């Protein structure tokens, strides 16, 4: 059922995070987005949703959240243990290829996220403008050319496919490092403080709401 919002209700932004997976007891993506629930940024109210780390089920939960909030902007957030900075993902690909089983025990190999759909979708967030803003704020960030082939990419692709059927809504995906408490369990793994992640997400939302196009700066990769 689609939730009806009063005509006077502010426009909405949807942020999604994931439940823990891979033996972790916490997922920084959910800890960060839930801290922003109900906040107002650039006149928009932040709604949040916690997605299962499971192929298929994650898209069902995402679809329900989209229907309930009818957002103008959607940013899905996921954990990328081992990365040393926040990653603004550029492209979602139509493939599931799980190195480990998901939280429901599923492990698809070389399967499409959505059969018959396009091979890939680009983020519609102003990722380079966001990168510039994060860098100016002293927050380590980069453009990432791959969101992997696990549930994060699964959700990123499903989100962009859903938004392609809508008018006026933008979206994309952001990967974040381990929290410090997680990193101590993984020798040598980098981390990012929760307060820094929250500040980064606020900034990405604000830039995305206030920027129509994108900055033209070099942020590619050689490999």
N, C-alpha and C. Protein backbone atom coordinates (compact mmCIF):
# COMPACT_ATOMS: atom_id res chain seq x y z
N UNK A 1 0.85 -1.19 0.00
CA UNK A 1 0.00 0.00 0.00
C UNK A 1 0.88 1.24 0.00
N UNK A 2 0.56 2.22 -0.82
CA UNK A 2 1.30 3.46 -0.88
C UNK A 2 0.82 4.41 0.20
N UNK A 3 1.76 4.93 0.97
CA UNK A 3 1.41 5.88 2.02
C UNK A 3 1.07 7.23 1.40
N UNK A 4 -0.02 7.84 1.84
CA UNK A 4 -0.40 9.16 1.35
C UNK A 4 0.13 10.22 2.32
N UNK A 5 0.88 11.19 1.79
CA UNK A 5 1.40 12.25 2.61
C UNK A 5 0.55 13.50 2.43
N UNK A 6 0.33 14.27 3.48
CA UNK A 6 -0.42 15.52 3.34
C UNK A 6 0.22 16.44 2.32
N UNK A 7 -0.61 17.26 1.68
CA UNK A 7 -0.08 18.16 0.66
C UNK A 7 0.97 19.10 1.23
N UNK A 8 0.87 19.40 2.55
CA UNK A 8 1.82 20.31 3.19
C UNK A 8 3.10 19.62 3.64
N UNK A 9 3.18 18.29 3.50
CA UNK A 9 4.35 17.56 3.96
C UNK A 9 5.57 17.94 3.14
N UNK A 10 6.75 18.02 3.77
CA UNK A 10 7.96 18.38 3.03
C UNK A 10 8.36 17.26 2.07
N UNK A 11 9.06 17.59 0.99
CA UNK A 11 9.58 16.54 0.11
C UNK A 11 10.57 15.67 0.87
N UNK A 12 10.76 14.46 0.38
CA UNK A 12 11.52 13.48 1.14
C UNK A 12 12.78 13.00 0.42
N UNK A 13 13.74 12.65 1.26
CA UNK A 13 14.96 11.96 0.84
C UNK A 13 14.95 10.61 1.53
N UNK A 14 15.26 9.55 0.78
CA UNK A 14 15.35 8.21 1.36
C UNK A 14 16.80 7.78 1.43
N UNK A 15 17.24 7.40 2.62
CA UNK A 15 18.56 6.81 2.83
C UNK A 15 18.36 5.37 3.28
N UNK A 16 19.11 4.46 2.68
CA UNK A 16 19.02 3.06 3.09
C UNK A 16 20.37 2.55 3.58
N UNK A 17 20.32 1.66 4.56
CA UNK A 17 21.49 0.97 5.04
C UNK A 17 21.18 -0.51 5.14
N UNK A 18 22.19 -1.30 5.49
CA UNK A 18 22.03 -2.76 5.54
C UNK A 18 22.18 -3.30 6.95
N UNK A 19 21.60 -4.48 7.16
CA UNK A 19 21.86 -5.24 8.37
C UNK A 19 23.29 -5.79 8.31
N UNK A 20 23.85 -6.20 9.46
CA UNK A 20 25.21 -6.76 9.46
C UNK A 20 25.29 -8.03 8.62
N UNK A 21 26.48 -8.32 8.12
CA UNK A 21 26.70 -9.55 7.34
C UNK A 21 28.15 -9.97 7.47
N UNK A 22 28.45 -11.15 6.97
CA UNK A 22 29.83 -11.62 6.95
C UNK A 22 30.46 -11.79 8.32
N UNK A 23 29.65 -12.09 9.33
CA UNK A 23 30.17 -12.31 10.67
C UNK A 23 30.28 -11.05 11.51
N UNK A 24 29.98 -9.88 10.95
CA UNK A 24 30.02 -8.64 11.72
C UNK A 24 28.76 -8.53 12.59
N UNK A 25 28.87 -7.80 13.69
CA UNK A 25 27.72 -7.60 14.57
C UNK A 25 27.07 -6.24 14.36
N UNK A 26 27.67 -5.42 13.53
CA UNK A 26 27.15 -4.09 13.24
C UNK A 26 27.42 -3.79 11.78
N UNK A 27 26.59 -2.97 11.18
CA UNK A 27 26.85 -2.49 9.83
C UNK A 27 26.87 -0.97 9.88
N UNK A 28 27.99 -0.34 9.56
CA UNK A 28 28.09 1.12 9.68
C UNK A 28 27.11 1.86 8.79
N UNK A 29 26.69 1.22 7.70
CA UNK A 29 25.75 1.90 6.81
C UNK A 29 24.43 2.18 7.53
N UNK A 30 23.93 1.21 8.28
CA UNK A 30 22.69 1.42 9.01
C UNK A 30 22.89 2.36 10.18
N UNK A 31 24.01 2.23 10.89
CA UNK A 31 24.26 3.12 12.02
C UNK A 31 24.30 4.57 11.57
N UNK A 32 24.84 4.82 10.38
CA UNK A 32 24.95 6.20 9.89
C UNK A 32 23.61 6.74 9.41
N UNK A 33 22.89 5.96 8.61
CA UNK A 33 21.65 6.52 8.05
C UNK A 33 20.57 6.68 9.12
N UNK A 34 20.52 5.78 10.09
CA UNK A 34 19.47 5.90 11.09
C UNK A 34 19.69 7.12 11.98
N UNK A 35 20.94 7.59 12.08
CA UNK A 35 21.22 8.80 12.85
C UNK A 35 20.63 10.05 12.19
N UNK A 36 20.30 9.94 10.90
CA UNK A 36 19.75 11.08 10.16
C UNK A 36 18.23 11.02 10.01
N UNK A 37 17.61 9.99 10.53
CA UNK A 37 16.14 9.85 10.41
C UNK A 37 15.44 11.08 10.98
N UNK A 38 14.54 11.64 10.17
CA UNK A 38 13.74 12.77 10.62
C UNK A 38 14.40 14.13 10.50
N UNK A 39 15.69 14.16 10.15
CA UNK A 39 16.38 15.45 9.99
C UNK A 39 15.86 16.17 8.75
N UNK A 40 16.07 17.48 8.72
CA UNK A 40 15.72 18.28 7.56
C UNK A 40 17.02 18.78 6.91
N UNK A 41 17.13 18.56 5.62
CA UNK A 41 18.28 19.05 4.86
C UNK A 41 17.74 19.71 3.60
N UNK A 42 18.07 20.99 3.43
CA UNK A 42 17.63 21.77 2.26
C UNK A 42 16.12 21.65 2.05
N UNK A 43 15.38 21.70 3.15
CA UNK A 43 13.92 21.66 3.07
C UNK A 43 13.32 20.29 2.87
N UNK A 44 14.13 19.26 2.88
CA UNK A 44 13.66 17.89 2.68
C UNK A 44 13.78 17.10 3.99
N UNK A 45 12.81 16.23 4.21
CA UNK A 45 12.83 15.36 5.39
C UNK A 45 13.51 14.04 5.04
N UNK A 46 14.38 13.59 5.94
CA UNK A 46 15.10 12.34 5.73
C UNK A 46 14.30 11.16 6.26
N UNK A 47 14.03 10.22 5.37
CA UNK A 47 13.44 8.93 5.73
C UNK A 47 14.52 7.87 5.58
N UNK A 48 14.44 6.81 6.36
CA UNK A 48 15.46 5.77 6.29
C UNK A 48 14.81 4.40 6.22
N UNK A 49 15.57 3.44 5.69
CA UNK A 49 15.10 2.05 5.63
C UNK A 49 16.29 1.12 5.82
N UNK A 50 16.07 0.08 6.58
CA UNK A 50 17.10 -0.94 6.82
C UNK A 50 16.81 -2.13 5.89
N UNK A 51 17.74 -2.46 5.05
CA UNK A 51 17.56 -3.52 4.07
C UNK A 51 18.23 -4.81 4.53
N UNK A 52 17.64 -5.96 4.25
CA UNK A 52 18.32 -7.22 4.54
C UNK A 52 19.49 -7.42 3.58
N UNK A 53 20.54 -8.00 4.08
CA UNK A 53 21.68 -8.32 3.22
C UNK A 53 21.39 -9.66 2.56
N UNK A 54 20.47 -9.60 1.62
CA UNK A 54 20.00 -10.81 0.96
C UNK A 54 19.52 -10.47 -0.44
N UNK A 55 19.97 -11.25 -1.40
CA UNK A 55 19.54 -11.06 -2.78
C UNK A 55 18.03 -11.22 -2.88
N UNK A 56 17.39 -10.39 -3.66
CA UNK A 56 15.94 -10.46 -3.83
C UNK A 56 15.21 -9.78 -2.69
N UNK A 57 15.39 -10.25 -1.47
CA UNK A 57 14.70 -9.66 -0.32
C UNK A 57 15.06 -8.18 -0.16
N UNK A 58 16.31 -7.83 -0.46
CA UNK A 58 16.73 -6.43 -0.34
C UNK A 58 15.95 -5.54 -1.30
N UNK A 59 15.70 -6.03 -2.52
CA UNK A 59 14.95 -5.23 -3.50
C UNK A 59 13.48 -5.14 -3.13
N UNK A 60 12.95 -6.19 -2.52
CA UNK A 60 11.57 -6.13 -2.05
C UNK A 60 11.42 -5.04 -0.98
N UNK A 61 12.36 -5.01 -0.03
CA UNK A 61 12.33 -4.00 1.03
C UNK A 61 12.55 -2.61 0.45
N UNK A 62 13.44 -2.51 -0.51
CA UNK A 62 13.69 -1.21 -1.15
C UNK A 62 12.43 -0.72 -1.86
N UNK A 63 11.77 -1.60 -2.60
CA UNK A 63 10.55 -1.22 -3.30
C UNK A 63 9.48 -0.71 -2.35
N UNK A 64 9.35 -1.36 -1.20
CA UNK A 64 8.37 -0.92 -0.21
C UNK A 64 8.72 0.46 0.34
N UNK A 65 10.00 0.69 0.58
CA UNK A 65 10.44 1.99 1.09
C UNK A 65 10.22 3.09 0.07
N UNK A 66 10.47 2.81 -1.20
CA UNK A 66 10.25 3.79 -2.26
C UNK A 66 8.77 4.15 -2.36
N UNK A 67 7.91 3.13 -2.28
CA UNK A 67 6.47 3.36 -2.38
C UNK A 67 5.95 4.17 -1.19
N UNK A 68 6.51 3.91 -0.01
CA UNK A 68 6.04 4.58 1.20
C UNK A 68 6.48 6.03 1.27
N UNK A 69 7.70 6.31 0.83
CA UNK A 69 8.24 7.66 1.01
C UNK A 69 8.14 8.55 -0.23
N UNK A 70 8.04 7.93 -1.40
CA UNK A 70 7.99 8.68 -2.66
C UNK A 70 9.06 9.78 -2.69
N UNK A 71 10.32 9.42 -2.55
CA UNK A 71 11.38 10.41 -2.38
C UNK A 71 11.79 11.10 -3.68
N UNK A 72 12.37 12.27 -3.53
CA UNK A 72 12.96 12.98 -4.66
C UNK A 72 14.43 12.60 -4.85
N UNK A 73 15.01 12.06 -3.79
CA UNK A 73 16.41 11.66 -3.81
C UNK A 73 16.56 10.39 -3.00
N UNK A 74 17.33 9.44 -3.52
CA UNK A 74 17.59 8.19 -2.80
C UNK A 74 19.09 7.92 -2.81
N UNK A 75 19.64 7.70 -1.64
CA UNK A 75 21.05 7.32 -1.53
C UNK A 75 21.12 6.03 -0.72
N UNK A 76 21.54 4.96 -1.38
CA UNK A 76 21.75 3.68 -0.70
C UNK A 76 23.20 3.66 -0.21
N UNK A 77 23.37 3.15 0.99
CA UNK A 77 24.69 3.15 1.63
C UNK A 77 25.04 1.72 2.04
N UNK A 78 26.29 1.34 1.82
CA UNK A 78 26.73 0.00 2.17
C UNK A 78 28.14 -0.02 2.73
N UNK A 79 28.45 -1.09 3.44
CA UNK A 79 29.77 -1.29 4.03
C UNK A 79 30.74 -1.85 3.00
N UNK A 80 31.94 -1.26 2.96
CA UNK A 80 33.02 -1.79 2.12
C UNK A 80 34.26 -1.93 2.98
N UNK A 81 34.30 -2.99 3.79
CA UNK A 81 35.45 -3.22 4.64
C UNK A 81 36.73 -3.36 3.82
N UNK A 82 37.76 -2.64 4.22
CA UNK A 82 39.03 -2.66 3.49
C UNK A 82 39.28 -1.39 2.71
N UNK A 83 38.22 -0.67 2.33
CA UNK A 83 38.41 0.62 1.67
C UNK A 83 38.78 1.66 2.73
N UNK A 84 39.64 2.59 2.33
CA UNK A 84 40.15 3.56 3.29
C UNK A 84 39.46 4.92 3.20
N UNK A 85 38.44 5.02 2.37
CA UNK A 85 37.72 6.28 2.23
C UNK A 85 36.30 6.03 1.76
N UNK A 86 35.48 7.04 1.87
CA UNK A 86 34.12 6.94 1.37
C UNK A 86 34.15 6.86 -0.15
N UNK A 87 33.35 5.96 -0.73
CA UNK A 87 33.37 5.72 -2.17
C UNK A 87 32.03 6.11 -2.79
N UNK A 88 32.07 7.08 -3.69
CA UNK A 88 30.89 7.48 -4.45
C UNK A 88 30.85 6.61 -5.69
N UNK A 89 29.89 5.68 -5.74
CA UNK A 89 29.87 4.71 -6.82
C UNK A 89 29.35 5.33 -8.12
N UNK A 90 30.02 5.00 -9.22
CA UNK A 90 29.66 5.56 -10.51
C UNK A 90 28.63 4.71 -11.28
N UNK A 91 28.78 3.37 -11.22
CA UNK A 91 27.98 2.53 -12.12
C UNK A 91 27.52 1.25 -11.42
N UNK A 92 26.29 0.86 -11.71
CA UNK A 92 25.72 -0.40 -11.22
C UNK A 92 25.60 -1.36 -12.40
N UNK A 93 26.01 -2.60 -12.23
CA UNK A 93 25.97 -3.57 -13.32
C UNK A 93 24.94 -4.66 -13.04
N UNK A 94 24.41 -5.20 -14.12
CA UNK A 94 23.32 -6.17 -14.01
C UNK A 94 23.84 -7.59 -13.84
N UNK A 95 24.55 -7.82 -12.74
CA UNK A 95 25.05 -9.16 -12.46
C UNK A 95 25.18 -9.38 -10.96
N UNK A 96 24.77 -10.55 -10.51
CA UNK A 96 25.00 -11.04 -9.16
C UNK A 96 26.03 -12.16 -9.25
N UNK A 97 27.12 -12.01 -8.52
CA UNK A 97 28.18 -13.03 -8.51
C UNK A 97 28.77 -13.01 -7.11
N UNK A 98 28.19 -13.81 -6.23
CA UNK A 98 28.47 -13.72 -4.80
C UNK A 98 29.68 -14.56 -4.40
N UNK A 99 30.70 -13.90 -3.85
CA UNK A 99 31.86 -14.61 -3.34
C UNK A 99 31.52 -15.37 -2.07
N UNK A 100 30.60 -14.80 -1.26
CA UNK A 100 30.13 -15.47 -0.04
C UNK A 100 28.61 -15.50 -0.08
N UNK A 101 28.03 -16.40 0.69
CA UNK A 101 26.57 -16.48 0.76
C UNK A 101 26.01 -15.26 1.47
N UNK A 102 24.79 -14.88 1.12
CA UNK A 102 24.14 -13.76 1.80
C UNK A 102 23.55 -14.23 3.13
N UNK A 103 22.82 -13.38 3.80
CA UNK A 103 22.29 -13.73 5.12
C UNK A 103 21.15 -14.73 5.09
N UNK A 104 20.70 -15.09 3.90
CA UNK A 104 19.68 -16.14 3.76
C UNK A 104 20.28 -17.42 3.18
N UNK A 105 21.60 -17.42 3.04
CA UNK A 105 22.27 -18.60 2.52
C UNK A 105 22.31 -18.68 1.01
N UNK A 106 21.90 -17.63 0.32
CA UNK A 106 21.90 -17.65 -1.14
C UNK A 106 23.24 -17.18 -1.68
N UNK A 107 23.66 -17.78 -2.77
CA UNK A 107 24.95 -17.42 -3.37
C UNK A 107 24.85 -17.50 -4.89
N UNK A 108 24.14 -16.56 -5.51
CA UNK A 108 24.00 -16.59 -6.97
C UNK A 108 25.34 -16.38 -7.67
N UNK A 109 25.52 -17.05 -8.77
CA UNK A 109 26.75 -16.92 -9.56
C UNK A 109 26.37 -16.58 -10.99
N UNK A 110 26.89 -15.46 -11.46
CA UNK A 110 26.67 -15.02 -12.86
C UNK A 110 25.19 -14.97 -13.24
N UNK A 111 24.39 -14.42 -12.34
CA UNK A 111 22.96 -14.26 -12.60
C UNK A 111 22.64 -12.78 -12.76
N UNK A 112 21.68 -12.42 -13.61
CA UNK A 112 21.30 -11.02 -13.72
C UNK A 112 20.56 -10.55 -12.47
N UNK A 113 20.74 -9.30 -12.14
CA UNK A 113 19.92 -8.72 -11.06
C UNK A 113 18.47 -8.70 -11.52
N UNK A 114 18.24 -8.22 -12.74
CA UNK A 114 16.91 -8.18 -13.34
C UNK A 114 17.03 -8.69 -14.77
N UNK A 115 16.44 -9.82 -15.04
CA UNK A 115 16.55 -10.43 -16.37
C UNK A 115 15.95 -9.52 -17.44
N UNK A 116 16.68 -9.38 -18.55
CA UNK A 116 16.20 -8.58 -19.66
C UNK A 116 16.38 -7.09 -19.52
N UNK A 117 16.90 -6.63 -18.38
CA UNK A 117 17.10 -5.20 -18.15
C UNK A 117 18.45 -4.78 -18.73
N UNK A 118 18.72 -3.47 -18.82
CA UNK A 118 20.00 -2.99 -19.37
C UNK A 118 21.21 -3.55 -18.63
N UNK A 119 22.35 -3.56 -19.32
CA UNK A 119 23.57 -4.10 -18.73
C UNK A 119 24.04 -3.29 -17.54
N UNK A 120 23.78 -2.00 -17.53
CA UNK A 120 24.28 -1.14 -16.46
C UNK A 120 23.48 0.15 -16.39
N UNK A 121 23.58 0.80 -15.24
CA UNK A 121 23.03 2.14 -15.04
C UNK A 121 24.09 2.99 -14.36
N UNK A 122 24.17 4.26 -14.75
CA UNK A 122 25.03 5.20 -14.06
C UNK A 122 24.28 5.85 -12.91
N UNK A 123 25.00 6.18 -11.85
CA UNK A 123 24.43 6.99 -10.77
C UNK A 123 23.93 8.30 -11.35
N UNK A 124 22.84 8.81 -10.81
CA UNK A 124 22.34 10.13 -11.22
C UNK A 124 22.62 11.17 -10.14
N UNK A 125 23.45 10.82 -9.17
CA UNK A 125 23.92 11.80 -8.19
C UNK A 125 25.03 12.64 -8.82
N UNK A 126 25.21 13.88 -8.37
CA UNK A 126 26.35 14.69 -8.83
C UNK A 126 27.61 14.25 -8.08
N UNK A 127 28.14 13.09 -8.47
CA UNK A 127 29.20 12.46 -7.66
C UNK A 127 30.49 13.28 -7.63
N UNK A 128 30.79 13.99 -8.69
CA UNK A 128 32.03 14.78 -8.68
C UNK A 128 31.87 16.07 -7.88
N UNK A 129 30.70 16.67 -7.94
CA UNK A 129 30.45 17.83 -7.08
C UNK A 129 30.49 17.40 -5.61
N UNK A 130 29.94 16.24 -5.32
CA UNK A 130 29.97 15.71 -3.96
C UNK A 130 31.40 15.42 -3.53
N UNK A 131 32.20 14.85 -4.44
CA UNK A 131 33.60 14.57 -4.14
C UNK A 131 34.34 15.86 -3.79
N UNK A 132 34.12 16.91 -4.57
CA UNK A 132 34.79 18.18 -4.31
C UNK A 132 34.38 18.73 -2.94
N UNK A 133 33.10 18.63 -2.61
CA UNK A 133 32.62 19.14 -1.33
C UNK A 133 33.20 18.34 -0.16
N UNK A 134 33.25 17.03 -0.31
CA UNK A 134 33.82 16.18 0.74
C UNK A 134 35.30 16.48 0.93
N UNK A 135 36.03 16.63 -0.16
CA UNK A 135 37.45 16.93 -0.09
C UNK A 135 37.68 18.27 0.61
N UNK A 136 36.88 19.27 0.25
CA UNK A 136 36.99 20.58 0.89
C UNK A 136 36.72 20.50 2.38
N UNK A 137 35.86 19.57 2.78
CA UNK A 137 35.51 19.40 4.19
C UNK A 137 36.52 18.52 4.94
N UNK A 138 37.54 18.03 4.23
CA UNK A 138 38.56 17.20 4.86
C UNK A 138 38.14 15.76 5.09
N UNK A 139 37.13 15.29 4.35
CA UNK A 139 36.65 13.92 4.49
C UNK A 139 37.21 13.07 3.35
N UNK A 140 37.98 12.01 3.65
CA UNK A 140 38.55 11.18 2.59
C UNK A 140 37.47 10.54 1.73
N UNK A 141 37.53 10.77 0.41
CA UNK A 141 36.51 10.26 -0.50
C UNK A 141 37.10 10.06 -1.88
N UNK A 142 36.44 9.26 -2.69
CA UNK A 142 36.89 9.00 -4.06
C UNK A 142 35.70 8.54 -4.88
N UNK A 143 35.82 8.68 -6.20
CA UNK A 143 34.87 8.06 -7.11
C UNK A 143 35.28 6.61 -7.28
N UNK A 144 34.34 5.70 -7.12
CA UNK A 144 34.61 4.27 -7.31
C UNK A 144 33.98 3.82 -8.62
N UNK A 145 34.73 3.01 -9.37
CA UNK A 145 34.25 2.53 -10.66
C UNK A 145 33.53 1.18 -10.57
N UNK A 146 33.48 0.60 -9.37
CA UNK A 146 32.82 -0.69 -9.21
C UNK A 146 32.23 -0.82 -7.82
N UNK A 147 30.95 -1.17 -7.76
CA UNK A 147 30.29 -1.44 -6.48
C UNK A 147 30.32 -2.92 -6.15
N UNK A 148 31.15 -3.69 -6.88
CA UNK A 148 31.24 -5.12 -6.64
C UNK A 148 30.10 -5.88 -7.33
N UNK A 149 29.91 -7.12 -6.91
CA UNK A 149 28.84 -7.95 -7.48
C UNK A 149 28.04 -8.66 -6.38
N UNK A 150 28.10 -8.07 -5.19
CA UNK A 150 27.38 -8.66 -4.05
C UNK A 150 26.07 -7.88 -3.83
N UNK A 151 25.52 -7.90 -2.64
CA UNK A 151 24.19 -7.32 -2.42
C UNK A 151 24.20 -5.80 -2.57
N UNK A 152 25.33 -5.14 -2.32
CA UNK A 152 25.38 -3.69 -2.51
C UNK A 152 25.12 -3.33 -3.97
N UNK A 153 25.82 -3.97 -4.89
CA UNK A 153 25.57 -3.70 -6.30
C UNK A 153 24.16 -4.13 -6.69
N UNK A 154 23.70 -5.22 -6.13
CA UNK A 154 22.34 -5.71 -6.38
C UNK A 154 21.30 -4.61 -6.06
N UNK A 155 21.47 -3.97 -4.91
CA UNK A 155 20.56 -2.89 -4.51
C UNK A 155 20.78 -1.65 -5.37
N UNK A 156 22.03 -1.30 -5.64
CA UNK A 156 22.34 -0.15 -6.49
C UNK A 156 21.68 -0.30 -7.85
N UNK A 157 21.83 -1.48 -8.45
CA UNK A 157 21.23 -1.71 -9.76
C UNK A 157 19.70 -1.66 -9.67
N UNK A 158 19.14 -2.35 -8.68
CA UNK A 158 17.69 -2.37 -8.53
C UNK A 158 17.13 -0.98 -8.30
N UNK A 159 17.85 -0.17 -7.53
CA UNK A 159 17.42 1.20 -7.29
C UNK A 159 17.40 2.00 -8.59
N UNK A 160 18.48 1.94 -9.35
CA UNK A 160 18.55 2.74 -10.57
C UNK A 160 17.53 2.26 -11.61
N UNK A 161 17.27 0.96 -11.63
CA UNK A 161 16.23 0.44 -12.53
C UNK A 161 14.86 0.99 -12.14
N UNK A 162 14.59 1.02 -10.84
CA UNK A 162 13.31 1.55 -10.36
C UNK A 162 13.19 3.04 -10.66
N UNK A 163 14.26 3.79 -10.43
CA UNK A 163 14.21 5.23 -10.67
C UNK A 163 14.11 5.57 -12.15
N UNK A 164 14.59 4.67 -13.00
CA UNK A 164 14.48 4.89 -14.44
C UNK A 164 13.02 4.90 -14.90
N UNK A 165 12.16 4.30 -14.10
CA UNK A 165 10.73 4.26 -14.43
C UNK A 165 9.97 5.46 -13.85
N UNK A 166 10.68 6.28 -13.07
CA UNK A 166 10.06 7.43 -12.43
C UNK A 166 10.57 8.73 -13.05
N UNK A 167 9.87 9.81 -12.81
CA UNK A 167 10.32 11.11 -13.29
C UNK A 167 10.69 11.99 -12.10
N UNK A 168 11.83 12.66 -12.20
CA UNK A 168 12.19 13.64 -11.21
C UNK A 168 12.92 13.14 -9.99
N UNK A 169 13.20 11.84 -9.89
CA UNK A 169 13.91 11.30 -8.73
C UNK A 169 15.33 10.93 -9.13
N UNK A 170 16.29 11.27 -8.28
CA UNK A 170 17.69 10.94 -8.52
C UNK A 170 18.16 9.94 -7.47
N UNK A 171 19.23 9.22 -7.79
CA UNK A 171 19.71 8.26 -6.81
C UNK A 171 21.09 7.74 -7.13
N UNK A 172 21.64 7.03 -6.15
CA UNK A 172 22.95 6.44 -6.32
C UNK A 172 23.35 5.67 -5.07
N UNK A 173 24.62 5.29 -5.04
CA UNK A 173 25.12 4.42 -3.97
C UNK A 173 26.44 4.95 -3.43
N UNK A 174 26.60 4.81 -2.12
CA UNK A 174 27.83 5.23 -1.43
C UNK A 174 28.31 4.07 -0.57
N UNK A 175 29.57 3.71 -0.72
CA UNK A 175 30.20 2.71 0.15
C UNK A 175 31.01 3.42 1.23
N UNK A 176 31.01 2.86 2.43
CA UNK A 176 31.75 3.45 3.53
C UNK A 176 32.65 2.39 4.18
N UNK A 177 33.77 2.83 4.80
CA UNK A 177 34.68 1.87 5.45
C UNK A 177 34.08 1.29 6.73
N UNK A 178 34.84 0.35 7.31
CA UNK A 178 34.53 -0.16 8.64
C UNK A 178 34.50 0.99 9.65
N UNK A 179 33.76 0.80 10.73
CA UNK A 179 33.89 1.65 11.90
C UNK A 179 35.17 1.24 12.65
N UNK A 180 35.73 2.13 13.48
CA UNK A 180 36.95 1.76 14.23
C UNK A 180 36.79 0.48 15.06
N UNK A 181 35.63 0.29 15.69
CA UNK A 181 35.42 -0.91 16.51
C UNK A 181 35.44 -2.18 15.68
N UNK A 182 35.07 -2.07 14.40
CA UNK A 182 35.17 -3.23 13.51
C UNK A 182 36.60 -3.44 13.05
N UNK A 183 37.26 -2.35 12.73
CA UNK A 183 38.61 -2.44 12.16
C UNK A 183 39.60 -3.12 13.10
N UNK A 184 39.41 -2.97 14.41
CA UNK A 184 40.34 -3.59 15.34
C UNK A 184 40.27 -5.11 15.28
N UNK A 185 39.17 -5.64 14.73
CA UNK A 185 39.03 -7.08 14.57
C UNK A 185 39.62 -7.57 13.25
N UNK A 186 40.06 -6.63 12.41
CA UNK A 186 40.62 -6.96 11.10
C UNK A 186 41.98 -6.26 10.99
N UNK A 187 43.03 -6.96 11.33
CA UNK A 187 44.35 -6.35 11.42
C UNK A 187 44.73 -5.61 10.13
N UNK A 188 45.08 -4.35 10.29
CA UNK A 188 45.50 -3.53 9.17
C UNK A 188 44.38 -2.87 8.40
N UNK A 189 43.12 -3.15 8.76
CA UNK A 189 42.00 -2.58 8.03
C UNK A 189 41.80 -1.11 8.39
N UNK A 190 41.57 -0.25 7.42
CA UNK A 190 41.27 1.15 7.70
C UNK A 190 39.86 1.30 8.24
N UNK A 191 39.57 2.48 8.76
CA UNK A 191 38.24 2.73 9.32
C UNK A 191 37.89 4.21 9.19
N UNK A 192 36.64 4.52 9.48
CA UNK A 192 36.18 5.91 9.49
C UNK A 192 35.20 6.06 10.65
N UNK A 193 35.37 7.12 11.42
CA UNK A 193 34.51 7.37 12.58
C UNK A 193 33.07 7.59 12.14
N UNK A 194 32.13 7.14 12.96
CA UNK A 194 30.72 7.26 12.62
C UNK A 194 30.31 8.72 12.42
N UNK A 195 30.78 9.61 13.28
CA UNK A 195 30.43 11.02 13.15
C UNK A 195 30.90 11.58 11.80
N UNK A 196 32.04 11.11 11.32
CA UNK A 196 32.53 11.57 10.03
C UNK A 196 31.65 11.06 8.90
N UNK A 197 31.23 9.81 8.98
CA UNK A 197 30.33 9.24 7.97
C UNK A 197 29.01 9.99 7.95
N UNK A 198 28.46 10.28 9.12
CA UNK A 198 27.19 11.01 9.19
C UNK A 198 27.33 12.39 8.56
N UNK A 199 28.42 13.09 8.89
CA UNK A 199 28.65 14.41 8.30
C UNK A 199 28.80 14.31 6.80
N UNK A 200 29.46 13.26 6.32
CA UNK A 200 29.65 13.07 4.88
C UNK A 200 28.31 12.84 4.18
N UNK A 201 27.46 12.03 4.76
CA UNK A 201 26.15 11.77 4.15
C UNK A 201 25.29 13.02 4.11
N UNK A 202 25.32 13.80 5.18
CA UNK A 202 24.59 15.07 5.18
C UNK A 202 25.07 15.96 4.03
N UNK A 203 26.38 16.01 3.84
CA UNK A 203 26.94 16.85 2.80
C UNK A 203 26.57 16.35 1.41
N UNK A 204 26.60 15.03 1.21
CA UNK A 204 26.22 14.45 -0.08
C UNK A 204 24.76 14.74 -0.39
N UNK A 205 23.90 14.61 0.61
CA UNK A 205 22.48 14.92 0.41
C UNK A 205 22.31 16.38 0.02
N UNK A 206 22.96 17.27 0.75
CA UNK A 206 22.81 18.70 0.47
C UNK A 206 23.30 19.05 -0.92
N UNK A 207 24.48 18.54 -1.30
CA UNK A 207 25.02 18.81 -2.63
C UNK A 207 24.08 18.25 -3.70
N UNK A 208 23.57 17.06 -3.48
CA UNK A 208 22.68 16.43 -4.47
C UNK A 208 21.39 17.21 -4.65
N UNK A 209 20.88 17.80 -3.58
CA UNK A 209 19.64 18.56 -3.67
C UNK A 209 19.84 19.94 -4.28
N UNK A 210 21.06 20.47 -4.16
CA UNK A 210 21.31 21.84 -4.62
C UNK A 210 22.03 21.91 -5.96
N UNK A 211 22.43 20.77 -6.50
CA UNK A 211 23.22 20.74 -7.73
C UNK A 211 22.43 20.09 -8.85
N UNK A 212 22.20 20.81 -9.92
CA UNK A 212 21.44 20.27 -11.05
C UNK A 212 22.31 19.40 -11.96
N UNK A 213 23.51 19.87 -12.28
CA UNK A 213 24.42 19.12 -13.14
C UNK A 213 25.48 18.44 -12.31
N UNK A 214 26.71 18.49 -12.74
CA UNK A 214 27.81 17.93 -11.97
C UNK A 214 29.07 18.70 -12.29
N UNK A 215 30.03 18.62 -11.39
CA UNK A 215 31.33 19.27 -11.63
C UNK A 215 32.10 18.49 -12.70
N UNK A 216 32.95 19.20 -13.42
CA UNK A 216 33.78 18.55 -14.42
C UNK A 216 35.22 18.53 -13.93
N UNK A 217 35.55 17.49 -13.16
CA UNK A 217 36.88 17.33 -12.61
C UNK A 217 37.33 15.90 -12.87
N UNK A 218 38.65 15.72 -12.97
CA UNK A 218 39.20 14.38 -13.20
C UNK A 218 39.09 13.56 -11.92
N UNK A 219 38.47 12.39 -12.02
CA UNK A 219 38.34 11.51 -10.86
C UNK A 219 38.21 10.05 -11.32
N UNK A 220 38.87 9.75 -12.45
CA UNK A 220 38.82 8.40 -13.01
C UNK A 220 39.88 7.49 -12.43
N UNK A 221 40.10 6.37 -13.08
CA UNK A 221 41.06 5.38 -12.63
C UNK A 221 41.84 4.83 -13.83
N UNK A 222 43.07 4.41 -13.58
CA UNK A 222 43.88 3.81 -14.64
C UNK A 222 43.78 2.30 -14.66
N UNK A 223 43.18 1.72 -13.64
CA UNK A 223 43.03 0.26 -13.60
C UNK A 223 41.90 -0.11 -12.66
